[in-house]
Amino acid sequence: MRLSLVKWGGTVLCLLGILLTSFNIYPTNIFLGLIGSFLWTYAGVMQRDTPLMLVEGVAVLFYLFGVIAWMY
């Protein structure tokens, strides 16, 4: 998969997650943010960009905590 598509896909999904959060549309916002941040984490790994991997990897963990809280 082309890295540019991964980055643009992650960007669109993260922005949609933010938009849904601003309208309190839950839990769809968490799932879109999770996928978007995961794509950006993958992009960071592919580019060997440690700060990007760190911030997005932590975001993925936080989103996973949100999914778990929503499920239980």
Protein backbone atom coordinates (compact mmCIF):
# COMPACT_ATOMS: atom_id res chain seq x y z
CA MET A 1 0.00 0.00 0.00
CA ARG A 2 1.32 3.43 -0.83
CA LEU A 3 2.37 5.42 2.19
CA SER A 4 0.64 8.53 0.86
CA LEU A 5 -2.71 6.71 0.84
CA VAL A 6 -2.16 5.50 4.40
CA LYS A 7 -1.39 9.04 5.56
CA TRP A 8 -4.35 10.60 3.75
CA GLY A 9 -6.68 7.86 4.97
CA GLY A 10 -5.48 8.38 8.53
CA THR A 11 -5.92 12.13 8.20
CA VAL A 12 -9.49 11.86 6.89
CA LEU A 13 -10.50 9.35 9.57
CA CYS A 14 -8.92 11.38 12.39
CA LEU A 15 -10.67 14.54 11.21
CA LEU A 16 -14.00 12.72 10.92
CA GLY A 17 -13.50 11.41 14.46
CA ILE A 18 -12.85 14.95 15.69
CA LEU A 19 -15.94 16.21 13.84
CA LEU A 20 -18.11 13.50 15.37
CA THR A 21 -16.68 14.28 18.81
CA SER A 22 -17.68 17.94 18.40
CA PHE A 23 -21.28 16.78 17.80
CA ASN A 24 -21.08 14.16 20.59
CA ILE A 25 -21.68 11.24 18.23
CA TYR A 26 -20.49 8.33 20.32
CA PRO A 27 -18.99 5.66 19.89
CA THR A 28 -18.47 6.16 16.15
CA ASN A 29 -16.03 8.97 16.91
CA ILE A 30 -13.82 6.59 18.91
CA PHE A 31 -13.72 3.95 16.20
CA LEU A 32 -12.87 6.42 13.44
CA GLY A 33 -10.18 8.02 15.60
CA LEU A 34 -8.78 4.61 16.48
CA ILE A 35 -8.45 3.54 12.85
CA GLY A 36 -7.06 6.93 11.81
CA SER A 37 -4.46 6.96 14.57
CA PHE A 38 -3.53 3.36 13.81
CA LEU A 39 -2.89 4.34 10.17
CA TRP A 40 -0.72 7.24 11.32
CA THR A 41 1.16 4.94 13.70
CA TYR A 42 1.83 2.62 10.77
CA ALA A 43 3.01 5.60 8.70
CA GLY A 44 5.36 6.60 11.53
CA VAL A 45 6.80 3.08 11.65
CA MET A 46 7.31 3.04 7.88
CA GLN A 47 9.08 6.42 8.02
CA ARG A 48 11.01 5.59 11.21
CA ASP A 49 9.58 8.77 12.73
CA THR A 50 9.79 8.19 16.49
CA PRO A 51 7.77 11.25 17.64
CA LEU A 52 4.95 10.37 15.23
CA MET A 53 4.98 6.73 16.36
CA LEU A 54 4.88 7.80 20.00
CA VAL A 55 2.03 10.30 19.81
CA GLU A 56 -0.15 8.15 17.55
CA GLY A 57 0.69 4.91 19.36
CA VAL A 58 -0.41 6.47 22.64
CA ALA A 59 -3.55 7.77 20.91
CA VAL A 60 -4.31 4.21 19.75
CA LEU A 61 -3.96 2.98 23.35
CA PHE A 62 -6.25 5.71 24.64
CA TYR A 63 -8.83 4.94 21.95
CA LEU A 64 -8.64 1.25 22.86
CA PHE A 65 -9.30 2.17 26.49
CA GLY A 66 -12.35 4.12 25.26
CA VAL A 67 -13.59 1.11 23.29
CA ILE A 68 -13.17 -1.13 26.34
CA ALA A 69 -15.01 1.39 28.53
CA TRP A 70 -17.83 1.57 25.97
CA MET A 71 -18.10 -2.23 25.82
CA TYR A 72 -18.27 -2.62 29.61
